[in-house]
Amino acid sequence: MSADRTLRGLIASGRDDAVAIAARDAPPLSYGALRALIDRTVRSLNDLGVGRGDRVAIVLPNGPEMATAFLSVASAAASAPLNPAYRQDEFEFYLEDLKAKALIVEAGSDSPALRAAEKLGVKLITLTPEPQAGAGAFQLSAASVDALHSPSKDGRPSGRPLERVSRGHRPRLQAAEADDVALILHTSGTTSRPKIVPLRHANIWTSAGNIATSLELSANDRALNVMPLFHIHGLIAGLSAPLSRGGAVFCTAGFNALKFFAEMEEAKPTWYTAVPTMHQTILTRAARHKEVIARHPLRFVRSSSSSLPPTVIGELEAAFRCPVIEAYGMTEATHQMASNPLNGTRKPGSVGVPAGPEIAIMDEAGRLLGRNETGEVVIRGDNVTAAYENNPKANAQAFVNGWFRTGDQGVIDSDGYLTLTGRLKEIIVRGGEKISPREVDEALMAHPAVLQAVAFAVPHPMLGEDVGAAVVLREGLTATEQELGAFLSERLAAFKTPRKILFLAEIPKGATGKLQRIGLAQKLGLG
């Protein structure tokens, strides 16, 4: 990899004529064209008065333009991808919290982000895809909310191409440097106000390299990205890591189980990464697409963002006839912290060994624990954010003696493998007994009729909390609450067995496909 620890430097190893970005209904975009697009975008944004230190929100559909916009915008300013599904009041919150100088939307967009930007006085920039020039190619134009829906005479969206905004002497190109913030994301904010996580170019450069090393990625690899590109998993593992080794990325419009195998046929990938709920949905259709799998054998399948039940790992490996690599990541670590090795011992139920940062286990007093002792997972390394933005209280709680507290509970065994036993905020405290909901999940998943399961805390007048669970059954199979209770009684202590099991057609998920454990009791009417 290049010594230039920026996103522009991250793609330096790709040959000019090699495919960088691919997608449906467009010729592939080469590395040479991607580099030219990045440089042109930096110049365009500079001409508009947007540059290093400025924040640019990006609200685009998932796909090749979102991928190239992230890389290009971050090379000039701080990019802040936002979920296109947000409502206007959510956009107002994030744009104001970010102190965004500009907002990029697709030409013709009717996103509520437009009105939020207008209300807050945020500069509007439109992106017009140019698929004929390659997947992800685009042109930026300055626009107003009113002009956005007023096409010019040639039918193209109105607005001035940014390259024409500045007249006379052009200033020197102001490209981002390694210590500049490249990406700004918010934590989920499930239990508190979302925290701003600024990630520098060097953080991304380091994390992408860590992932590429652990997966042994090369220029011969072709990734199929189904992850949303407003989330750390997709941006770093799905996009940045393969590009850091000169490989190709096939960008989809987002995860769609009905289209996955058709996309696999077109993309001819060597691997893909996803969250457990996506893998489970893919498995329900895998038997009908054995020919596609056989025609396009994968080197491996990667899973991250939440725990993958060991039963699902076995089913995935049988379906795709390749290793399943479970990894552990979070936004504050620029995604990856640990990973099971591609070549070596993989322990189902474990998230593997440190794969980038140092990892240790800490007790509540800040003392580091030894092997086989349970406590909070802490990390430190070049991929870890330096601090939350404008949040001294959160920083004082999260950063202790040079370590970042992840909020996850876990244990490192004698072989150095990390097993997560739960999220500290998700631990169920039943009459003083601490119960890991993940343990209940895995016990339920061991039942042949259960496709998905999530355990959660349910308020109890005497015990404080009790255990509840929601399950989705496999198509064509049945089970009753009594049957599952009897099944669990042989695998769990009585106090860990859910007092209530609900059968759902679908378990509520977050924007990235992760099952929502906190607050589930209230959503299901058990609060």
Protein backbone atom coordinates (compact mmCIF):
# COMPACT_ATOMS: atom_id res chain seq x y z
CA MET A 1 0.00 0.00 0.00
CA SER A 2 1.01 3.62 -0.55
CA ALA A 3 2.71 5.58 2.21
CA ASP A 4 0.12 8.33 1.54
CA ARG A 5 -2.30 7.49 4.35
CA THR A 6 -5.32 9.13 2.68
CA LEU A 7 -8.23 7.71 0.72
CA ARG A 8 -6.56 8.95 -2.47
CA GLY A 9 -3.44 7.07 -1.42
CA LEU A 10 -5.48 4.02 -0.42
CA ILE A 11 -6.39 3.32 -4.06
CA ALA A 12 -2.87 3.93 -5.36
CA SER A 13 -2.09 0.23 -5.89
CA GLY A 14 -4.87 -0.25 -8.47
CA ARG A 15 -3.65 -0.44 -12.07
CA ASP A 16 -4.99 2.35 -14.27
CA ASP A 17 -6.83 -0.12 -16.53
CA ALA A 18 -8.07 -2.43 -13.75
CA VAL A 19 -11.73 -2.40 -12.66
CA ALA A 20 -12.34 -0.45 -9.45
CA ILE A 21 -16.14 -0.05 -9.36
CA ALA A 22 -18.73 -2.16 -11.17
CA ALA A 23 -22.51 -2.12 -11.17
CA ARG A 24 -25.54 -3.15 -13.19
CA ASP A 25 -26.37 -1.16 -16.33
CA ALA A 26 -23.03 0.63 -16.62
CA PRO A 27 -19.56 -0.15 -17.91
CA PRO A 28 -17.01 -0.62 -15.13
CA LEU A 29 -15.05 2.32 -13.77
CA SER A 30 -11.29 1.80 -13.91
CA TYR A 31 -8.82 2.87 -11.25
CA GLY A 32 -7.48 5.49 -13.63
CA ALA A 33 -10.98 6.92 -14.11
CA LEU A 34 -11.68 6.74 -10.36
CA ARG A 35 -8.53 8.69 -9.57
CA ALA A 36 -9.46 11.29 -12.20
CA LEU A 37 -12.98 11.53 -10.74
CA ILE A 38 -11.61 12.07 -7.24
CA ASP A 39 -9.24 14.80 -8.43
CA ARG A 40 -11.99 16.50 -10.45
CA THR A 41 -14.34 16.42 -7.46
CA VAL A 42 -11.73 17.90 -5.14
CA ARG A 43 -11.26 20.75 -7.64
CA SER A 44 -15.03 21.20 -8.01
CA LEU A 45 -15.62 21.43 -4.28
CA ASN A 46 -12.65 23.76 -3.83
CA ASP A 47 -14.08 26.02 -6.55
CA LEU A 48 -17.31 26.20 -4.62
CA GLY A 49 -15.49 27.14 -1.43
CA VAL A 50 -15.67 23.68 0.16
CA GLY A 51 -12.44 22.15 1.36
CA ARG A 52 -10.39 20.80 4.23
CA GLY A 53 -12.18 21.05 7.56
CA ASP A 54 -15.63 21.57 6.02
CA ARG A 55 -18.39 19.01 6.54
CA VAL A 56 -20.36 17.72 3.56
CA ALA A 57 -23.46 15.60 4.14
CA ILE A 58 -24.21 13.02 1.45
CA VAL A 59 -27.75 11.71 0.93
CA LEU A 60 -27.70 9.31 -2.01
CA PRO A 61 -29.22 5.93 -2.82
CA ASN A 62 -26.98 2.93 -2.25
CA GLY A 63 -24.99 2.15 -5.34
CA PRO A 64 -21.87 3.06 -7.31
CA GLU A 65 -22.36 6.84 -7.11
CA MET A 66 -22.62 6.66 -3.32
CA ALA A 67 -19.34 4.72 -3.26
CA THR A 68 -17.44 7.13 -5.50
CA ALA A 69 -19.01 10.20 -3.86
CA PHE A 70 -17.75 9.07 -0.46
CA LEU A 71 -14.22 8.52 -1.75
CA SER A 72 -14.21 11.79 -3.72
CA VAL A 73 -15.83 14.09 -1.18
CA ALA A 74 -13.67 12.73 1.65
CA SER A 75 -10.61 13.56 -0.44
CA ALA A 76 -11.56 17.24 -0.29
CA ALA A 77 -13.51 17.67 2.95
CA ALA A 78 -15.12 15.64 5.74
CA SER A 79 -17.83 13.39 4.31
CA ALA A 80 -20.93 12.60 6.34
CA PRO A 81 -23.10 9.95 4.65
CA LEU A 82 -26.66 9.95 6.00
CA ASN A 83 -29.40 7.34 5.77
CA PRO A 84 -31.70 8.39 2.89
CA ALA A 85 -34.68 7.01 4.83
CA TYR A 86 -34.49 9.72 7.50
CA ARG A 87 -37.41 12.14 7.96
CA GLN A 88 -37.00 15.90 7.71
CA ASP A 89 -36.66 16.42 11.47
CA GLU A 90 -33.93 13.77 11.57
CA PHE A 91 -32.08 15.43 8.70
CA GLU A 92 -32.38 18.76 10.51
CA PHE A 93 -30.85 17.22 13.64
CA TYR A 94 -27.92 15.62 11.83
CA LEU A 95 -27.17 18.56 9.53
CA GLU A 96 -27.19 20.96 12.48
CA ASP A 97 -25.23 18.61 14.74
CA LEU A 98 -22.61 18.11 12.01
CA LYS A 99 -22.45 21.85 11.25
CA ALA A 100 -22.67 20.80 7.61
CA LYS A 101 -21.49 23.38 5.10
CA ALA A 102 -23.01 21.56 2.13
CA LEU A 103 -25.43 18.76 1.25
CA ILE A 104 -25.07 16.51 -1.79
CA VAL A 105 -28.21 14.88 -3.23
CA GLU A 106 -28.95 13.26 -6.56
CA ALA A 107 -30.35 15.55 -9.25
CA GLY A 108 -34.16 15.24 -9.27
CA SER A 109 -34.24 14.10 -5.65
CA ASP A 110 -37.29 14.88 -3.54
CA SER A 111 -35.58 13.92 -0.28
CA PRO A 112 -36.79 15.71 2.85
CA ALA A 113 -33.10 16.53 3.35
CA LEU A 114 -33.64 19.34 0.82
CA ARG A 115 -36.08 21.21 3.02
CA ALA A 116 -33.90 20.57 6.05
CA ALA A 117 -30.92 22.09 4.24
CA GLU A 118 -32.99 25.06 3.07
CA LYS A 119 -34.22 25.69 6.61
CA LEU A 120 -30.69 25.60 8.02
CA GLY A 121 -29.03 27.52 5.21
CA VAL A 122 -26.87 24.59 4.12
CA LYS A 123 -25.39 24.91 0.61
CA LEU A 124 -27.00 22.49 -1.86
CA ILE A 125 -24.99 20.50 -4.40
CA THR A 126 -26.57 18.09 -6.86
CA LEU A 127 -24.95 14.98 -8.24
CA THR A 128 -25.84 13.85 -11.75
CA PRO A 129 -24.83 10.22 -12.50
CA GLU A 130 -22.98 9.68 -15.77
CA PRO A 131 -23.18 5.89 -16.14
CA GLN A 132 -22.01 6.04 -19.75
CA ALA A 133 -18.62 7.16 -18.38
CA GLY A 134 -18.44 4.23 -15.99
CA ALA A 135 -20.16 2.89 -12.87
CA GLY A 136 -20.16 5.64 -10.27
CA ALA A 137 -19.09 8.45 -12.60
CA PHE A 138 -20.87 11.73 -11.85
CA GLN A 139 -20.89 15.50 -12.23
CA LEU A 140 -21.53 17.95 -9.41
CA SER A 141 -23.51 21.17 -9.81
CA ALA A 142 -24.40 24.03 -7.50
CA ALA A 143 -28.17 24.31 -7.11
CA SER A 144 -31.03 25.64 -5.06
CA VAL A 145 -34.02 23.71 -3.79
CA ASP A 146 -36.29 25.46 -6.32
CA ALA A 147 -33.90 24.86 -9.23
CA LEU A 148 -33.53 21.19 -8.41
CA HIS A 149 -36.91 20.37 -9.93
CA SER A 150 -36.63 22.78 -12.87
CA PRO A 151 -34.95 20.97 -15.77
CA SER A 152 -32.95 22.97 -18.28
CA LYS A 153 -33.83 23.04 -21.98
CA ASP A 154 -31.82 19.91 -22.73
CA GLY A 155 -33.70 18.00 -20.03
CA ARG A 156 -30.73 17.84 -17.66
CA PRO A 157 -31.19 19.12 -14.10
CA SER A 158 -30.51 22.82 -13.85
CA GLY A 159 -27.67 24.17 -11.79
CA ARG A 160 -24.20 25.36 -12.62
CA PRO A 161 -21.46 22.76 -13.12
CA LEU A 162 -19.06 23.47 -10.31
CA GLU A 163 -16.05 23.55 -12.62
CA ARG A 164 -17.53 26.73 -14.12
CA VAL A 165 -18.31 28.49 -10.88
CA SER A 166 -14.86 29.95 -10.36
CA ARG A 167 -13.43 32.36 -12.95
CA GLY A 168 -9.98 33.74 -13.26
CA HIS A 169 -7.02 32.34 -11.34
CA ARG A 170 -7.66 28.92 -9.82
CA PRO A 171 -6.35 28.40 -6.28
CA ARG A 172 -3.95 25.55 -5.62
CA LEU A 173 -5.75 22.23 -5.19
CA GLN A 174 -6.54 21.70 -1.52
CA ALA A 175 -6.68 17.92 -1.14
CA ALA A 176 -7.17 16.29 2.26
CA GLU A 177 -4.21 15.00 4.27
CA ALA A 178 -3.76 11.97 6.51
CA ASP A 179 -4.68 13.74 9.76
CA ASP A 180 -7.77 15.41 8.30
CA VAL A 181 -11.19 14.03 9.18
CA ALA A 182 -12.42 11.96 6.24
CA LEU A 183 -15.62 10.48 7.60
CA ILE A 184 -18.10 11.54 10.26
CA LEU A 185 -20.68 9.11 11.54
CA HIS A 186 -23.04 9.12 14.50
CA THR A 187 -23.41 6.28 16.98
CA SER A 188 -26.83 4.64 16.94
CA GLY A 189 -28.13 6.60 19.90
CA THR A 190 -30.32 3.71 21.08
CA THR A 191 -30.14 4.75 24.72
CA SER A 192 -28.84 8.32 24.51
CA ARG A 193 -28.22 11.24 22.17
CA PRO A 194 -26.15 10.02 19.19
CA LYS A 195 -22.44 10.76 19.58
CA ILE A 196 -20.34 12.18 16.72
CA VAL A 197 -17.47 9.90 15.70
CA PRO A 198 -14.84 11.68 13.55
CA LEU A 199 -12.56 9.29 11.64
CA ARG A 200 -9.38 10.53 10.00
CA HIS A 201 -7.93 9.41 6.69
CA ALA A 202 -5.21 7.56 8.59
CA ASN A 203 -7.86 5.68 10.61
CA ILE A 204 -9.54 4.46 7.41
CA TRP A 205 -6.23 3.70 5.67
CA THR A 206 -5.17 1.60 8.66
CA SER A 207 -8.48 -0.26 9.10
CA ALA A 208 -8.86 -1.02 5.39
CA GLY A 209 -5.35 -2.46 5.44
CA ASN A 210 -6.10 -4.52 8.54
CA ILE A 211 -9.17 -6.06 6.89
CA ALA A 212 -7.36 -6.69 3.60
CA THR A 213 -4.53 -8.41 5.46
CA SER A 214 -6.80 -10.63 7.56
CA LEU A 215 -8.77 -11.69 4.45
CA GLU A 216 -5.66 -11.95 2.24
CA LEU A 217 -7.28 -9.70 -0.37
CA SER A 218 -5.53 -9.10 -3.68
CA ALA A 219 -6.08 -7.43 -7.03
CA ASN A 220 -7.71 -10.67 -8.19
CA ASP A 221 -10.57 -10.35 -5.72
CA ARG A 222 -14.00 -9.01 -6.60
CA ALA A 223 -16.30 -7.98 -3.75
CA LEU A 224 -20.08 -7.99 -3.94
CA ASN A 225 -21.24 -5.14 -1.70
CA VAL A 226 -24.77 -5.43 -0.35
CA MET A 227 -24.16 -3.30 2.76
CA PRO A 228 -25.49 0.26 3.07
CA LEU A 229 -22.84 2.86 2.34
CA PHE A 230 -23.95 5.21 5.13
CA HIS A 231 -22.62 2.67 7.67
CA ILE A 232 -19.08 1.79 8.74
CA HIS A 233 -19.32 -1.88 7.71
CA GLY A 234 -20.10 -1.15 4.07
CA LEU A 235 -17.79 1.85 3.74
CA ILE A 236 -14.71 0.14 5.17
CA ALA A 237 -15.05 -3.63 4.71
CA GLY A 238 -17.32 -3.57 1.66
CA LEU A 239 -15.58 -0.75 -0.22
CA SER A 240 -12.29 0.56 1.15
CA ALA A 241 -10.60 -2.75 2.02
CA PRO A 242 -10.88 -4.34 -1.45
CA LEU A 243 -9.87 -1.08 -3.15
CA SER A 244 -6.78 -0.90 -0.94
CA ARG A 245 -5.45 -3.99 -2.69
CA GLY A 246 -6.41 -3.03 -6.23
CA GLY A 247 -9.46 -5.31 -6.30
CA ALA A 248 -12.92 -4.61 -7.73
CA VAL A 249 -16.17 -3.79 -5.93
CA PHE A 250 -19.57 -4.54 -7.47
CA CYS A 251 -21.98 -2.03 -5.92
CA THR A 252 -25.65 -3.01 -5.51
CA ALA A 253 -28.64 -0.84 -4.67
CA GLY A 254 -28.65 -2.45 -1.22
CA PHE A 255 -29.49 -5.85 0.16
CA ASN A 256 -32.39 -7.62 -1.51
CA ALA A 257 -32.64 -11.36 -0.94
CA LEU A 258 -34.72 -11.78 -4.10
CA LYS A 259 -31.94 -10.23 -6.20
CA PHE A 260 -28.87 -11.56 -4.39
CA PHE A 261 -28.19 -14.57 -6.58
CA ALA A 262 -28.88 -12.63 -9.80
CA GLU A 263 -26.35 -10.05 -8.58
CA MET A 264 -23.94 -12.85 -7.75
CA GLU A 265 -24.34 -14.17 -11.31
CA GLU A 266 -23.55 -10.73 -12.75
CA ALA A 267 -20.81 -9.70 -10.31
CA LYS A 268 -18.93 -13.03 -10.29
CA PRO A 269 -17.59 -12.20 -6.82
CA THR A 270 -14.88 -13.96 -4.88
CA TRP A 271 -16.42 -12.87 -1.55
CA TYR A 272 -19.07 -10.78 0.14
CA THR A 273 -19.59 -9.35 3.61
CA ALA A 274 -22.93 -8.89 5.40
CA VAL A 275 -24.67 -8.88 8.78
CA PRO A 276 -26.17 -12.07 10.26
CA THR A 277 -29.78 -11.28 9.35
CA MET A 278 -28.76 -10.94 5.69
CA HIS A 279 -26.86 -14.23 5.75
CA GLN A 280 -29.85 -15.96 7.29
CA THR A 281 -32.17 -14.61 4.60
CA ILE A 282 -29.73 -15.64 1.85
CA LEU A 283 -29.68 -19.15 3.30
CA THR A 284 -33.43 -19.51 2.86
CA ARG A 285 -32.91 -19.21 -0.93
CA ALA A 286 -29.53 -20.87 -1.34
CA ALA A 287 -30.89 -24.36 -2.10
CA ARG A 288 -32.72 -22.95 -5.15
CA HIS A 289 -29.53 -21.42 -6.55
CA LYS A 290 -26.95 -24.18 -6.24
CA GLU A 291 -25.98 -23.73 -9.90
CA VAL A 292 -25.11 -20.06 -9.39
CA ILE A 293 -23.02 -20.91 -6.35
CA ALA A 294 -21.23 -23.64 -8.30
CA ARG A 295 -20.54 -21.35 -11.27
CA HIS A 296 -19.11 -18.60 -9.07
CA PRO A 297 -17.29 -20.23 -6.15
CA LEU A 298 -16.42 -17.88 -3.31
CA ARG A 299 -13.09 -17.84 -1.48
CA PHE A 300 -14.92 -16.97 1.75
CA VAL A 301 -17.99 -15.29 3.23
CA ARG A 302 -17.50 -12.60 5.90
CA SER A 303 -19.90 -11.66 8.70
CA SER A 304 -19.73 -8.73 11.10
CA SER A 305 -21.72 -6.06 13.01
CA SER A 306 -23.41 -8.56 15.34
CA SER A 307 -22.93 -12.16 16.43
CA LEU A 308 -23.46 -14.95 13.90
CA PRO A 309 -24.94 -18.06 15.55
CA PRO A 310 -22.69 -21.13 15.13
CA THR A 311 -25.57 -23.04 13.50
CA VAL A 312 -25.76 -20.38 10.78
CA ILE A 313 -21.99 -20.54 10.24
CA GLY A 314 -22.30 -24.28 9.58
CA GLU A 315 -25.21 -23.82 7.19
CA LEU A 316 -23.44 -21.03 5.27
CA GLU A 317 -20.26 -23.07 4.90
CA ALA A 318 -22.27 -26.02 3.64
CA ALA A 319 -24.24 -23.86 1.18
CA PHE A 320 -21.30 -21.92 -0.29
CA ARG A 321 -18.62 -24.58 0.27
CA CYS A 322 -16.17 -22.04 1.63
CA PRO A 323 -15.00 -20.68 4.99
CA VAL A 324 -17.20 -18.23 6.89
CA ILE A 325 -15.11 -15.57 8.61
CA GLU A 326 -16.76 -13.91 11.58
CA ALA A 327 -15.29 -10.53 12.51
CA TYR A 328 -15.94 -7.94 15.20
CA GLY A 329 -16.19 -4.24 14.52
CA MET A 330 -17.65 -0.92 15.59
CA THR A 331 -17.79 2.63 14.30
CA GLU A 332 -15.30 4.03 16.83
CA ALA A 333 -12.69 1.50 15.63
CA THR A 334 -13.27 2.37 11.95
CA HIS A 335 -14.93 -1.05 11.82
CA GLN A 336 -12.69 -4.09 12.37
CA MET A 337 -11.17 -5.03 15.73
CA ALA A 338 -10.95 -8.82 15.65
CA SER A 339 -11.42 -11.56 13.07
CA ASN A 340 -11.26 -15.30 12.79
CA PRO A 341 -8.32 -16.20 10.55
CA LEU A 342 -8.91 -17.18 6.94
CA ASN A 343 -6.17 -19.80 7.19
CA GLY A 344 -5.93 -21.20 10.67
CA THR A 345 -8.25 -22.20 13.47
CA ARG A 346 -11.70 -20.63 13.32
CA LYS A 347 -13.72 -20.98 16.50
CA PRO A 348 -17.50 -20.80 15.99
CA GLY A 349 -18.98 -18.52 18.62
CA SER A 350 -15.75 -16.52 18.82
CA VAL A 351 -15.02 -13.31 16.92
CA GLY A 352 -11.43 -14.47 16.52
CA VAL A 353 -8.11 -12.88 17.39
CA PRO A 354 -7.03 -9.22 17.34
CA ALA A 355 -6.98 -8.10 13.69
CA GLY A 356 -5.62 -4.58 13.88
CA PRO A 357 -5.83 -2.92 17.28
CA GLU A 358 -4.66 -4.32 20.59
CA ILE A 359 -7.49 -5.95 22.56
CA ALA A 360 -7.72 -6.51 26.30
CA ILE A 361 -10.33 -7.17 28.97
CA MET A 362 -10.89 -4.59 31.72
CA ASP A 363 -12.85 -4.65 34.97
CA GLU A 364 -15.07 -1.84 36.25
CA ALA A 365 -12.17 -0.29 38.17
CA GLY A 366 -10.03 0.02 35.04
CA ARG A 367 -7.77 -2.95 35.86
CA LEU A 368 -6.75 -5.21 32.96
CA LEU A 369 -7.77 -8.84 33.47
CA GLY A 370 -6.05 -12.05 32.48
CA ARG A 371 -6.99 -14.84 30.11
CA ASN A 372 -10.35 -16.55 30.72
CA GLU A 373 -11.59 -13.65 32.89
CA THR A 374 -14.79 -11.90 31.85
CA GLY A 375 -15.00 -8.13 31.66
CA GLU A 376 -15.33 -5.21 29.26
CA VAL A 377 -13.55 -5.40 25.89
CA VAL A 378 -11.12 -2.49 25.45
CA ILE A 379 -9.00 -1.57 22.42
CA ARG A 380 -6.24 0.78 21.31
CA GLY A 381 -4.56 1.33 17.95
CA ASP A 382 -4.20 3.53 14.89
CA ASN A 383 -7.68 2.67 13.62
CA VAL A 384 -9.42 3.93 16.78
CA THR A 385 -11.00 7.40 16.83
CA ALA A 386 -9.10 9.91 18.96
CA ALA A 387 -12.27 11.13 20.70
CA TYR A 388 -15.96 11.80 20.33
CA GLU A 389 -16.61 15.33 19.09
CA ASN A 390 -17.70 17.98 21.61
CA ASN A 391 -18.59 15.39 24.23
CA PRO A 392 -16.19 15.51 27.23
CA LYS A 393 -18.49 13.39 29.40
CA ALA A 394 -18.62 10.54 26.86
CA ASN A 395 -14.85 10.79 26.33
CA ALA A 396 -14.16 10.59 30.06
CA GLN A 397 -16.26 7.44 30.27
CA ALA A 398 -14.98 5.80 27.08
CA PHE A 399 -11.23 6.48 27.22
CA VAL A 400 -9.42 5.01 30.24
CA ASN A 401 -5.64 4.80 30.62
CA GLY A 402 -5.16 4.97 26.86
CA TRP A 403 -7.76 2.27 26.14
CA PHE A 404 -11.18 2.72 24.52
CA ARG A 405 -14.04 0.98 26.30
CA THR A 406 -16.22 -0.75 23.70
CA GLY A 407 -19.23 -1.36 25.93
CA ASP A 408 -19.07 -5.06 25.05
CA GLN A 409 -18.57 -7.81 27.58
CA GLY A 410 -16.23 -10.61 26.63
CA VAL A 411 -13.47 -13.04 27.49
CA ILE A 412 -10.15 -13.91 25.83
CA ASP A 413 -9.34 -17.62 26.06
CA SER A 414 -5.93 -19.22 26.53
CA ASP A 415 -5.41 -19.30 22.74
CA GLY A 416 -6.04 -15.55 22.39
CA TYR A 417 -9.53 -15.84 20.86
CA LEU A 418 -12.13 -13.30 21.93
CA THR A 419 -15.68 -14.39 22.68
CA LEU A 420 -18.33 -11.74 23.23
CA THR A 421 -20.77 -12.56 26.00
CA GLY A 422 -23.05 -9.57 25.52
CA ARG A 423 -23.46 -5.84 25.24
CA LEU A 424 -23.13 -4.38 28.76
CA LYS A 425 -26.27 -2.27 28.26
CA GLU A 426 -28.11 -5.35 27.00
CA ILE A 427 -27.21 -7.68 29.87
CA ILE A 428 -30.44 -8.82 31.56
CA VAL A 429 -30.32 -8.50 35.35
CA ARG A 430 -32.96 -10.86 36.76
CA GLY A 431 -33.19 -10.59 40.55
CA GLY A 432 -29.46 -9.93 40.72
CA GLU A 433 -28.54 -12.71 38.27
CA LYS A 434 -26.79 -11.42 35.12
CA ILE A 435 -27.91 -13.15 31.92
CA SER A 436 -26.27 -12.78 28.52
CA PRO A 437 -29.05 -12.50 25.91
CA ARG A 438 -26.67 -13.92 23.31
CA GLU A 439 -26.53 -17.21 25.21
CA VAL A 440 -30.33 -17.42 25.04
CA ASP A 441 -30.26 -16.51 21.32
CA GLU A 442 -27.90 -19.37 20.53
CA ALA A 443 -29.87 -21.89 22.58
CA LEU A 444 -33.03 -20.96 20.66
CA MET A 445 -31.21 -21.07 17.32
CA ALA A 446 -30.20 -24.65 18.04
CA HIS A 447 -33.86 -25.68 17.60
CA PRO A 448 -34.39 -26.94 14.03
CA ALA A 449 -37.56 -24.88 13.52
CA VAL A 450 -36.03 -21.52 14.54
CA LEU A 451 -34.64 -19.26 11.80
CA GLN A 452 -33.94 -16.15 13.90
CA ALA A 453 -34.06 -15.41 17.61
CA VAL A 454 -33.40 -12.43 19.84
CA ALA A 455 -33.63 -12.39 23.64
CA PHE A 456 -34.25 -9.15 25.53
CA ALA A 457 -35.07 -7.73 28.94
CA VAL A 458 -38.72 -7.54 30.00
CA PRO A 459 -39.71 -5.39 33.01
CA HIS A 460 -40.75 -7.42 36.08
CA PRO A 461 -42.36 -5.94 39.23
CA MET A 462 -40.42 -8.17 41.67
CA LEU A 463 -37.24 -9.19 39.85
CA GLY A 464 -36.60 -5.89 38.07
CA GLU A 465 -36.09 -7.66 34.75
CA ASP A 466 -36.95 -11.03 33.28
CA VAL A 467 -36.11 -12.72 30.00
CA GLY A 468 -38.25 -12.43 26.89
CA ALA A 469 -37.55 -13.68 23.38
CA ALA A 470 -38.83 -13.18 19.86
CA VAL A 471 -38.38 -15.86 17.19
CA VAL A 472 -38.99 -16.27 13.48
CA LEU A 473 -39.68 -19.84 12.40
CA ARG A 474 -38.29 -21.49 9.29
CA GLU A 475 -40.65 -21.67 6.35
CA GLY A 476 -42.82 -24.80 6.54
CA LEU A 477 -41.84 -25.67 10.14
CA THR A 478 -43.81 -25.16 13.35
CA ALA A 479 -43.13 -24.92 17.05
CA THR A 480 -45.07 -23.77 20.10
CA GLU A 481 -43.98 -21.69 23.06
CA GLN A 482 -44.26 -24.78 25.25
CA GLU A 483 -42.10 -26.83 22.90
CA LEU A 484 -39.38 -24.19 22.81
CA GLY A 485 -39.56 -23.79 26.57
CA ALA A 486 -39.04 -27.52 27.05
CA PHE A 487 -36.20 -27.46 24.51
CA LEU A 488 -34.48 -24.61 26.36
CA SER A 489 -34.94 -26.23 29.77
CA GLU A 490 -32.46 -28.90 28.67
CA ARG A 491 -29.89 -26.29 27.64
CA LEU A 492 -30.28 -23.33 29.99
CA ALA A 493 -30.63 -22.81 33.72
CA ALA A 494 -34.21 -22.11 34.76
CA PHE A 495 -33.55 -18.43 35.50
CA LYS A 496 -32.25 -17.91 31.95
CA THR A 497 -35.28 -19.45 30.23
CA PRO A 498 -37.60 -16.80 28.72
CA ARG A 499 -40.89 -16.38 30.52
CA LYS A 500 -42.43 -15.17 27.27
CA ILE A 501 -41.62 -16.22 23.69
CA LEU A 502 -43.27 -14.33 20.86
CA PHE A 503 -43.53 -15.65 17.29
CA LEU A 504 -43.05 -12.95 14.67
CA ALA A 505 -43.02 -12.85 10.89
CA GLU A 506 -40.05 -10.47 11.15
CA ILE A 507 -37.98 -9.18 14.04
CA PRO A 508 -37.52 -5.38 14.06
CA LYS A 509 -34.16 -4.38 12.60
CA GLY A 510 -32.13 -1.21 12.40
CA ALA A 511 -31.18 0.56 9.18
CA THR A 512 -28.15 -1.70 8.72
CA GLY A 513 -30.02 -4.98 9.26
CA LYS A 514 -29.01 -5.55 12.88
CA LEU A 515 -31.67 -6.98 15.18
CA GLN A 516 -32.87 -4.40 17.70
CA ARG A 517 -32.59 -5.75 21.23
CA ILE A 518 -32.80 -2.58 23.34
CA GLY A 519 -36.34 -1.28 23.57
CA LEU A 520 -37.81 -4.40 21.95
CA ALA A 521 -40.03 -5.17 24.95
CA GLN A 522 -41.77 -1.80 24.56
CA LYS A 523 -42.12 -2.22 20.78
CA LEU A 524 -43.78 -5.59 21.29
CA GLY A 525 -46.11 -4.38 24.02
CA LEU A 526 -44.29 -6.09 26.90
CA GLY A 527 -42.86 -2.94 28.48
